């Protein structure tokens, strides 16, 4: 009998240890008005004038408290946002909400309905880029700084031409002998409330980016990240 009780207690303690050590890889989400929105990293608000009215506030920061993988999210839940964080609508984009975040270009982080897709936007040899009205290039760090703004059709087209000349190489391995590649962000604007952002990198030897496939870019792209 003592042996059985001992085995039971051992099993109970192991189960308890396993439960308390559960690590959940949370998706960055916000639930409001019965809908779940997930963070999008390829889109930003084009201008703060497109931020609409406040539609609610975060009530509970999930990542700090929940270790149960079966937890059912509730209105006001957010993965990483602090309680009291204000949630805003996005004008003309009912599938999106916005959270004020000074670390994000243009000051707001966007979240999309988890059932919706990012607006289709591509830069490849066959894409139509006529609707692009402005391009910005930023250093990509904890506080991105604006390097260049392209607003003339001539400058925009010159950059896009170089991007379209990128050679697809999904097997490319960056040179990290001297550290991580330097990263940049390219932001494409049109008439839409959302702008589209893509990372670009330089590893000391080659320039490359991965809007979908990884592409090695012409060396001339360097001239666009130098302030004028």
C-alpha atoms as a PDB file:
ATOM      1  CA  UNK A   1       0.000   0.000   0.000  1.00  0.00           C
ATOM      2  CA  UNK A   2       2.815   2.406   0.907  1.00  0.00           C
ATOM      3  CA  UNK A   3       4.489   1.593  -2.419  1.00  0.00           C
ATOM      4  CA  UNK A   4       1.283   2.452  -4.320  1.00  0.00           C
ATOM      5  CA  UNK A   5       0.850   5.739  -2.439  1.00  0.00           C
ATOM      6  CA  UNK A   6       4.504   6.587  -3.076  1.00  0.00           C
ATOM      7  CA  UNK A   7       4.127   5.965  -6.806  1.00  0.00           C
ATOM      8  CA  UNK A   8       0.949   8.067  -6.873  1.00  0.00           C
ATOM      9  CA  UNK A   9       2.644  11.003  -5.141  1.00  0.00           C
ATOM     10  CA  UNK A  10       5.641  10.760  -7.464  1.00  0.00           C
ATOM     11  CA  UNK A  11       3.377  10.806 -10.529  1.00  0.00           C
ATOM     12  CA  UNK A  12       1.434  13.752  -9.100  1.00  0.00           C
ATOM     13  CA  UNK A  13       4.605  15.753  -8.477  1.00  0.00           C
ATOM     14  CA  UNK A  14       5.947  15.017 -11.952  1.00  0.00           C
ATOM     15  CA  UNK A  15       2.667  16.095 -13.508  1.00  0.00           C
ATOM     16  CA  UNK A  16       2.698  19.270 -11.417  1.00  0.00           C
ATOM     17  CA  UNK A  17       6.266  20.040 -12.457  1.00  0.00           C
ATOM     18  CA  UNK A  18       5.438  19.486 -16.128  1.00  0.00           C
ATOM     19  CA  UNK A  19       2.412  21.754 -15.869  1.00  0.00           C
ATOM     20  CA  UNK A  20       4.225  24.629 -14.166  1.00  0.00           C
ATOM     21  CA  UNK A  21       7.127  24.459 -16.612  1.00  0.00           C
ATOM     22  CA  UNK A  22       4.907  24.682 -19.699  1.00  0.00           C
ATOM     23  CA  UNK A  23       6.171  27.347 -22.082  1.00  0.00           C
ATOM     24  CA  UNK A  24       3.603  28.693 -24.521  1.00  0.00           C
ATOM     25  CA  UNK A  25       4.768  30.330 -27.744  1.00  0.00           C
ATOM     26  CA  UNK A  26       2.098  33.019 -27.904  1.00  0.00           C
ATOM     27  CA  UNK A  27       1.044  34.757 -31.099  1.00  0.00           C
ATOM     28  CA  UNK A  28       0.927  38.544 -30.657  1.00  0.00           C
ATOM     29  CA  UNK A  29      -2.837  39.104 -30.587  1.00  0.00           C
ATOM     30  CA  UNK A  30      -5.571  41.413 -29.297  1.00  0.00           C
ATOM     31  CA  UNK A  31      -9.193  40.339 -28.782  1.00  0.00           C
ATOM     32  CA  UNK A  32     -11.815  43.086 -28.905  1.00  0.00           C
ATOM     33  CA  UNK A  33     -15.542  43.143 -29.680  1.00  0.00           C
ATOM     34  CA  UNK A  34     -15.615  39.368 -30.063  1.00  0.00           C
ATOM     35  CA  UNK A  35     -12.874  39.350 -32.729  1.00  0.00           C
ATOM     36  CA  UNK A  36      -9.247  38.275 -32.553  1.00  0.00           C
ATOM     37  CA  UNK A  37      -6.613  40.382 -34.298  1.00  0.00           C
ATOM     38  CA  UNK A  38      -3.001  39.331 -34.876  1.00  0.00           C
ATOM     39  CA  UNK A  39       0.033  41.589 -35.334  1.00  0.00           C
ATOM     40  CA  UNK A  40       1.119  42.228 -38.911  1.00  0.00           C
ATOM     41  CA  UNK A  41       4.748  43.079 -39.606  1.00  0.00           C
ATOM     42  CA  UNK A  42       4.617  43.790 -43.341  1.00  0.00           C
ATOM     43  CA  UNK A  43       2.198  46.720 -43.010  1.00  0.00           C
ATOM     44  CA  UNK A  44       2.223  50.012 -41.128  1.00  0.00           C
ATOM     45  CA  UNK A  45      -0.180  52.939 -40.934  1.00  0.00           C
ATOM     46  CA  UNK A  46       0.582  55.292 -43.835  1.00  0.00           C
ATOM     47  CA  UNK A  47      -0.345  58.426 -41.882  1.00  0.00           C
ATOM     48  CA  UNK A  48      -1.658  59.033 -38.388  1.00  0.00           C
ATOM     49  CA  UNK A  49      -4.707  60.749 -39.930  1.00  0.00           C
ATOM     50  CA  UNK A  50      -5.929  57.225 -40.781  1.00  0.00           C
ATOM     51  CA  UNK A  51      -6.171  56.314 -37.087  1.00  0.00           C
ATOM     52  CA  UNK A  52      -9.839  56.219 -36.086  1.00  0.00           C
ATOM     53  CA  UNK A  53     -11.648  56.398 -32.754  1.00  0.00           C
ATOM     54  CA  UNK A  54     -10.753  54.497 -29.611  1.00  0.00           C
ATOM     55  CA  UNK A  55     -12.764  51.249 -29.542  1.00  0.00           C
ATOM     56  CA  UNK A  56     -11.575  49.767 -26.266  1.00  0.00           C
ATOM     57  CA  UNK A  57      -8.682  49.064 -23.928  1.00  0.00           C
ATOM     58  CA  UNK A  58      -6.599  46.038 -23.001  1.00  0.00           C
ATOM     59  CA  UNK A  59      -7.941  44.397 -19.837  1.00  0.00           C
ATOM     60  CA  UNK A  60      -5.567  41.468 -19.383  1.00  0.00           C
ATOM     61  CA  UNK A  61      -1.967  40.721 -20.428  1.00  0.00           C
ATOM     62  CA  UNK A  62      -2.056  37.015 -21.237  1.00  0.00           C
ATOM     63  CA  UNK A  63       1.663  36.226 -21.546  1.00  0.00           C
ATOM     64  CA  UNK A  64       2.336  37.247 -17.929  1.00  0.00           C
ATOM     65  CA  UNK A  65      -0.332  35.081 -16.348  1.00  0.00           C
ATOM     66  CA  UNK A  66      -1.462  32.129 -18.479  1.00  0.00           C
ATOM     67  CA  UNK A  67       0.365  28.797 -18.711  1.00  0.00           C
ATOM     68  CA  UNK A  68      -2.648  26.690 -19.698  1.00  0.00           C
ATOM     69  CA  UNK A  69      -2.457  25.807 -23.395  1.00  0.00           C
ATOM     70  CA  UNK A  70      -6.246  25.356 -23.411  1.00  0.00           C
ATOM     71  CA  UNK A  71      -6.945  28.902 -22.205  1.00  0.00           C
ATOM     72  CA  UNK A  72      -9.871  30.515 -24.053  1.00  0.00           C
ATOM     73  CA  UNK A  73      -9.186  34.164 -24.849  1.00  0.00           C
ATOM     74  CA  UNK A  74     -11.715  36.812 -23.837  1.00  0.00           C
ATOM     75  CA  UNK A  75     -12.554  40.365 -24.914  1.00  0.00           C
ATOM     76  CA  UNK A  76      -9.851  42.717 -23.714  1.00  0.00           C
ATOM     77  CA  UNK A  77      -7.115  40.056 -23.755  1.00  0.00           C
ATOM     78  CA  UNK A  78      -3.782  40.833 -25.398  1.00  0.00           C
ATOM     79  CA  UNK A  79      -0.600  38.813 -25.515  1.00  0.00           C
ATOM     80  CA  UNK A  80       2.026  41.410 -24.634  1.00  0.00           C
ATOM     81  CA  UNK A  81       0.197  44.731 -24.235  1.00  0.00           C
ATOM     82  CA  UNK A  82      -0.189  46.260 -20.803  1.00  0.00           C
ATOM     83  CA  UNK A  83      -3.567  46.612 -19.142  1.00  0.00           C
ATOM     84  CA  UNK A  84      -5.101  49.970 -20.069  1.00  0.00           C
ATOM     85  CA  UNK A  85      -3.458  50.159 -23.516  1.00  0.00           C
ATOM     86  CA  UNK A  86      -5.856  51.958 -25.855  1.00  0.00           C
ATOM     87  CA  UNK A  87      -7.101  50.204 -29.001  1.00  0.00           C
ATOM     88  CA  UNK A  88      -8.001  52.218 -32.092  1.00  0.00           C
ATOM     89  CA  UNK A  89      -9.956  51.586 -35.284  1.00  0.00           C
ATOM     90  CA  UNK A  90      -8.285  52.173 -38.663  1.00  0.00           C
ATOM     91  CA  UNK A  91     -10.239  54.309 -41.114  1.00  0.00           C
ATOM     92  CA  UNK A  92     -11.347  52.455 -44.267  1.00  0.00           C
ATOM     93  CA  UNK A  93      -9.850  49.207 -42.884  1.00  0.00           C
ATOM     94  CA  UNK A  94     -12.419  47.463 -40.644  1.00  0.00           C
ATOM     95  CA  UNK A  95     -10.247  44.333 -40.659  1.00  0.00           C
ATOM     96  CA  UNK A  96      -7.486  46.209 -38.806  1.00  0.00           C
ATOM     97  CA  UNK A  97      -6.943  47.824 -35.419  1.00  0.00           C
ATOM     98  CA  UNK A  98      -4.019  49.946 -34.200  1.00  0.00           C
ATOM     99  CA  UNK A  99      -2.042  50.338 -30.981  1.00  0.00           C
ATOM    100  CA  UNK A 100       0.124  53.377 -30.299  1.00  0.00           C
ATOM    101  CA  UNK A 101       3.781  52.305 -30.383  1.00  0.00           C
ATOM    102  CA  UNK A 102       6.589  54.838 -30.805  1.00  0.00           C
ATOM    103  CA  UNK A 103       9.056  52.097 -31.772  1.00  0.00           C
ATOM    104  CA  UNK A 104       7.098  51.454 -34.982  1.00  0.00           C
ATOM    105  CA  UNK A 105       7.487  53.677 -38.030  1.00  0.00           C
ATOM    106  CA  UNK A 106       4.651  56.247 -38.072  1.00  0.00           C
ATOM    107  CA  UNK A 107       3.833  55.546 -34.446  1.00  0.00           C
ATOM    108  CA  UNK A 108       1.260  52.712 -34.475  1.00  0.00           C
ATOM    109  CA  UNK A 109       1.438  48.921 -34.549  1.00  0.00           C
ATOM    110  CA  UNK A 110      -1.185  47.245 -36.728  1.00  0.00           C
ATOM    111  CA  UNK A 111      -3.194  44.102 -35.999  1.00  0.00           C
ATOM    112  CA  UNK A 112      -5.355  42.229 -38.524  1.00  0.00           C
ATOM    113  CA  UNK A 113      -8.276  39.882 -38.099  1.00  0.00           C
ATOM    114  CA  UNK A 114      -6.657  36.462 -37.910  1.00  0.00           C
ATOM    115  CA  UNK A 115      -8.955  35.269 -40.699  1.00  0.00           C
ATOM    116  CA  UNK A 116      -7.926  38.075 -43.082  1.00  0.00           C
ATOM    117  CA  UNK A 117      -4.854  38.289 -45.263  1.00  0.00           C
ATOM    118  CA  UNK A 118      -2.409  41.125 -45.762  1.00  0.00           C
ATOM    119  CA  UNK A 119      -3.235  43.273 -48.750  1.00  0.00           C
ATOM    120  CA  UNK A 120      -1.437  41.720 -51.696  1.00  0.00           C
ATOM    121  CA  UNK A 121       1.595  43.798 -52.587  1.00  0.00           C
ATOM    122  CA  UNK A 122       4.581  42.573 -54.512  1.00  0.00           C
ATOM    123  CA  UNK A 123       7.747  43.909 -56.084  1.00  0.00           C
ATOM    124  CA  UNK A 124       8.862  41.494 -58.768  1.00  0.00           C
ATOM    125  CA  UNK A 125       9.495  41.489 -62.492  1.00  0.00           C
ATOM    126  CA  UNK A 126       5.791  41.282 -63.341  1.00  0.00           C
ATOM    127  CA  UNK A 127       4.283  43.551 -60.669  1.00  0.00           C
ATOM    128  CA  UNK A 128       2.616  46.862 -61.478  1.00  0.00           C
ATOM    129  CA  UNK A 129       4.158  49.561 -59.290  1.00  0.00           C
ATOM    130  CA  UNK A 130       2.474  52.596 -60.843  1.00  0.00           C
ATOM    131  CA  UNK A 131       0.383  53.241 -57.711  1.00  0.00           C
ATOM    132  CA  UNK A 132       3.458  53.826 -55.521  1.00  0.00           C
ATOM    133  CA  UNK A 133       3.617  57.534 -54.644  1.00  0.00           C
ATOM    134  CA  UNK A 134       6.462  57.573 -52.106  1.00  0.00           C
ATOM    135  CA  UNK A 135       9.238  55.340 -50.788  1.00  0.00           C
ATOM    136  CA  UNK A 136      11.125  55.711 -47.513  1.00  0.00           C
ATOM    137  CA  UNK A 137      14.291  53.899 -46.447  1.00  0.00           C
ATOM    138  CA  UNK A 138      15.106  53.463 -42.765  1.00  0.00           C
ATOM    139  CA  UNK A 139      17.881  52.023 -40.691  1.00  0.00           C
ATOM    140  CA  UNK A 140      16.347  49.023 -38.927  1.00  0.00           C
ATOM    141  CA  UNK A 141      17.142  49.001 -35.211  1.00  0.00           C
ATOM    142  CA  UNK A 142      15.301  49.584 -31.948  1.00  0.00           C
ATOM    143  CA  UNK A 143      14.685  53.200 -33.000  1.00  0.00           C
ATOM    144  CA  UNK A 144      14.541  53.229 -36.835  1.00  0.00           C
ATOM    145  CA  UNK A 145      15.882  56.445 -38.363  1.00  0.00           C
ATOM    146  CA  UNK A 146      14.842  57.816 -41.746  1.00  0.00           C
ATOM    147  CA  UNK A 147      17.674  57.713 -44.283  1.00  0.00           C
ATOM    148  CA  UNK A 148      16.004  58.727 -47.551  1.00  0.00           C
ATOM    149  CA  UNK A 149      12.608  59.745 -48.896  1.00  0.00           C
ATOM    150  CA  UNK A 150      11.887  59.214 -52.586  1.00  0.00           C
ATOM    151  CA  UNK A 151       8.923  61.181 -53.876  1.00  0.00           C
ATOM    152  CA  UNK A 152       9.694  61.776 -57.543  1.00  0.00           C
ATOM    153  CA  UNK A 153       8.584  59.169 -60.065  1.00  0.00           C
ATOM    154  CA  UNK A 154      12.112  59.102 -61.480  1.00  0.00           C
ATOM    155  CA  UNK A 155      13.752  58.235 -58.146  1.00  0.00           C
ATOM    156  CA  UNK A 156      11.055  55.736 -57.218  1.00  0.00           C
ATOM    157  CA  UNK A 157      11.345  53.982 -60.555  1.00  0.00           C
ATOM    158  CA  UNK A 158      15.148  53.877 -60.309  1.00  0.00           C
ATOM    159  CA  UNK A 159      14.927  52.054 -56.967  1.00  0.00           C
ATOM    160  CA  UNK A 160      12.199  49.692 -58.147  1.00  0.00           C
ATOM    161  CA  UNK A 161      14.216  48.839 -61.256  1.00  0.00           C
ATOM    162  CA  UNK A 162      17.118  47.708 -59.064  1.00  0.00           C
ATOM    163  CA  UNK A 163      14.800  45.714 -56.803  1.00  0.00           C
ATOM    164  CA  UNK A 164      13.278  43.961 -59.806  1.00  0.00           C
ATOM    165  CA  UNK A 165      16.762  43.014 -60.989  1.00  0.00           C
ATOM    166  CA  UNK A 166      17.290  40.933 -57.866  1.00  0.00           C
ATOM    167  CA  UNK A 167      18.399  37.369 -58.577  1.00  0.00           C
ATOM    168  CA  UNK A 168      16.397  34.737 -56.697  1.00  0.00           C
ATOM    169  CA  UNK A 169      18.580  32.591 -54.430  1.00  0.00           C
ATOM    170  CA  UNK A 170      16.664  30.953 -51.604  1.00  0.00           C
ATOM    171  CA  UNK A 171      19.776  29.003 -50.618  1.00  0.00           C
ATOM    172  CA  UNK A 172      21.846  32.108 -49.941  1.00  0.00           C
ATOM    173  CA  UNK A 173      23.646  32.116 -46.580  1.00  0.00           C
ATOM    174  CA  UNK A 174      24.705  35.567 -45.369  1.00  0.00           C
ATOM    175  CA  UNK A 175      28.328  36.163 -44.408  1.00  0.00           C
ATOM    176  CA  UNK A 176      28.330  36.544 -40.600  1.00  0.00           C
ATOM    177  CA  UNK A 177      32.108  36.388 -40.100  1.00  0.00           C
ATOM    178  CA  UNK A 178      32.076  39.991 -38.855  1.00  0.00           C
ATOM    179  CA  UNK A 179      28.690  39.879 -37.160  1.00  0.00           C
ATOM    180  CA  UNK A 180      25.047  40.002 -38.147  1.00  0.00           C
ATOM    181  CA  UNK A 181      24.092  41.666 -41.446  1.00  0.00           C
ATOM    182  CA  UNK A 182      23.117  45.332 -41.308  1.00  0.00           C
ATOM    183  CA  UNK A 183      19.352  45.626 -41.721  1.00  0.00           C
ATOM    184  CA  UNK A 184      17.191  48.304 -43.305  1.00  0.00           C
ATOM    185  CA  UNK A 185      13.504  48.821 -43.994  1.00  0.00           C
ATOM    186  CA  UNK A 186      11.933  49.917 -47.277  1.00  0.00           C
ATOM    187  CA  UNK A 187       8.448  51.462 -46.985  1.00  0.00           C
ATOM    188  CA  UNK A 188       6.164  51.758 -50.021  1.00  0.00           C
ATOM    189  CA  UNK A 189       3.276  54.248 -49.914  1.00  0.00           C
ATOM    190  CA  UNK A 190       0.253  54.727 -52.155  1.00  0.00           C
ATOM    191  CA  UNK A 191      -3.237  56.130 -51.610  1.00  0.00           C
ATOM    192  CA  UNK A 192      -4.169  53.329 -49.180  1.00  0.00           C
ATOM    193  CA  UNK A 193      -4.312  53.845 -45.384  1.00  0.00           C
ATOM    194  CA  UNK A 194      -1.683  51.122 -45.065  1.00  0.00           C
ATOM    195  CA  UNK A 195       1.897  51.263 -46.301  1.00  0.00           C
ATOM    196  CA  UNK A 196       3.963  48.148 -47.010  1.00  0.00           C
ATOM    197  CA  UNK A 197       7.345  47.496 -45.403  1.00  0.00           C
ATOM    198  CA  UNK A 198      10.060  45.011 -46.263  1.00  0.00           C
ATOM    199  CA  UNK A 199      13.465  44.349 -44.681  1.00  0.00           C
ATOM    200  CA  UNK A 200      16.675  44.643 -46.710  1.00  0.00           C
ATOM    201  CA  UNK A 201      20.117  43.505 -45.598  1.00  0.00           C
ATOM    202  CA  UNK A 202      23.826  43.984 -46.269  1.00  0.00           C
ATOM    203  CA  UNK A 203      26.222  41.316 -44.968  1.00  0.00           C
ATOM    204  CA  UNK A 204      29.439  43.098 -45.955  1.00  0.00           C
ATOM    205  CA  UNK A 205      29.530  41.411 -49.346  1.00  0.00           C
ATOM    206  CA  UNK A 206      26.041  41.383 -50.816  1.00  0.00           C
ATOM    207  CA  UNK A 207      22.760  43.260 -50.594  1.00  0.00           C
ATOM    208  CA  UNK A 208      19.653  41.093 -50.405  1.00  0.00           C
ATOM    209  CA  UNK A 209      16.015  41.085 -49.366  1.00  0.00           C
ATOM    210  CA  UNK A 210      13.212  38.552 -48.956  1.00  0.00           C
ATOM    211  CA  UNK A 211       9.768  39.982 -49.751  1.00  0.00           C
ATOM    212  CA  UNK A 212       8.815  36.391 -50.572  1.00  0.00           C
ATOM    213  CA  UNK A 213      11.846  34.688 -52.103  1.00  0.00           C
ATOM    214  CA  UNK A 214      15.355  35.738 -51.139  1.00  0.00           C
ATOM    215  CA  UNK A 215      16.886  37.860 -53.900  1.00  0.00           C
ATOM    216  CA  UNK A 216      20.455  39.135 -54.260  1.00  0.00           C
ATOM    217  CA  UNK A 217      20.294  42.817 -55.212  1.00  0.00           C
ATOM    218  CA  UNK A 218      22.622  44.873 -57.417  1.00  0.00           C
ATOM    219  CA  UNK A 219      25.400  46.665 -55.524  1.00  0.00           C
ATOM    220  CA  UNK A 220      24.023  49.993 -56.790  1.00  0.00           C
ATOM    221  CA  UNK A 221      21.222  49.697 -54.236  1.00  0.00           C
ATOM    222  CA  UNK A 222      23.690  51.047 -51.659  1.00  0.00           C
ATOM    223  CA  UNK A 223      23.302  54.580 -53.033  1.00  0.00           C
ATOM    224  CA  UNK A 224      19.675  54.647 -51.838  1.00  0.00           C
ATOM    225  CA  UNK A 225      20.501  54.138 -48.160  1.00  0.00           C
ATOM    226  CA  UNK A 226      22.890  57.080 -48.049  1.00  0.00           C
ATOM    227  CA  UNK A 227      21.262  60.343 -46.922  1.00  0.00           C
ATOM    228  CA  UNK A 228      21.148  63.028 -49.591  1.00  0.00           C
END
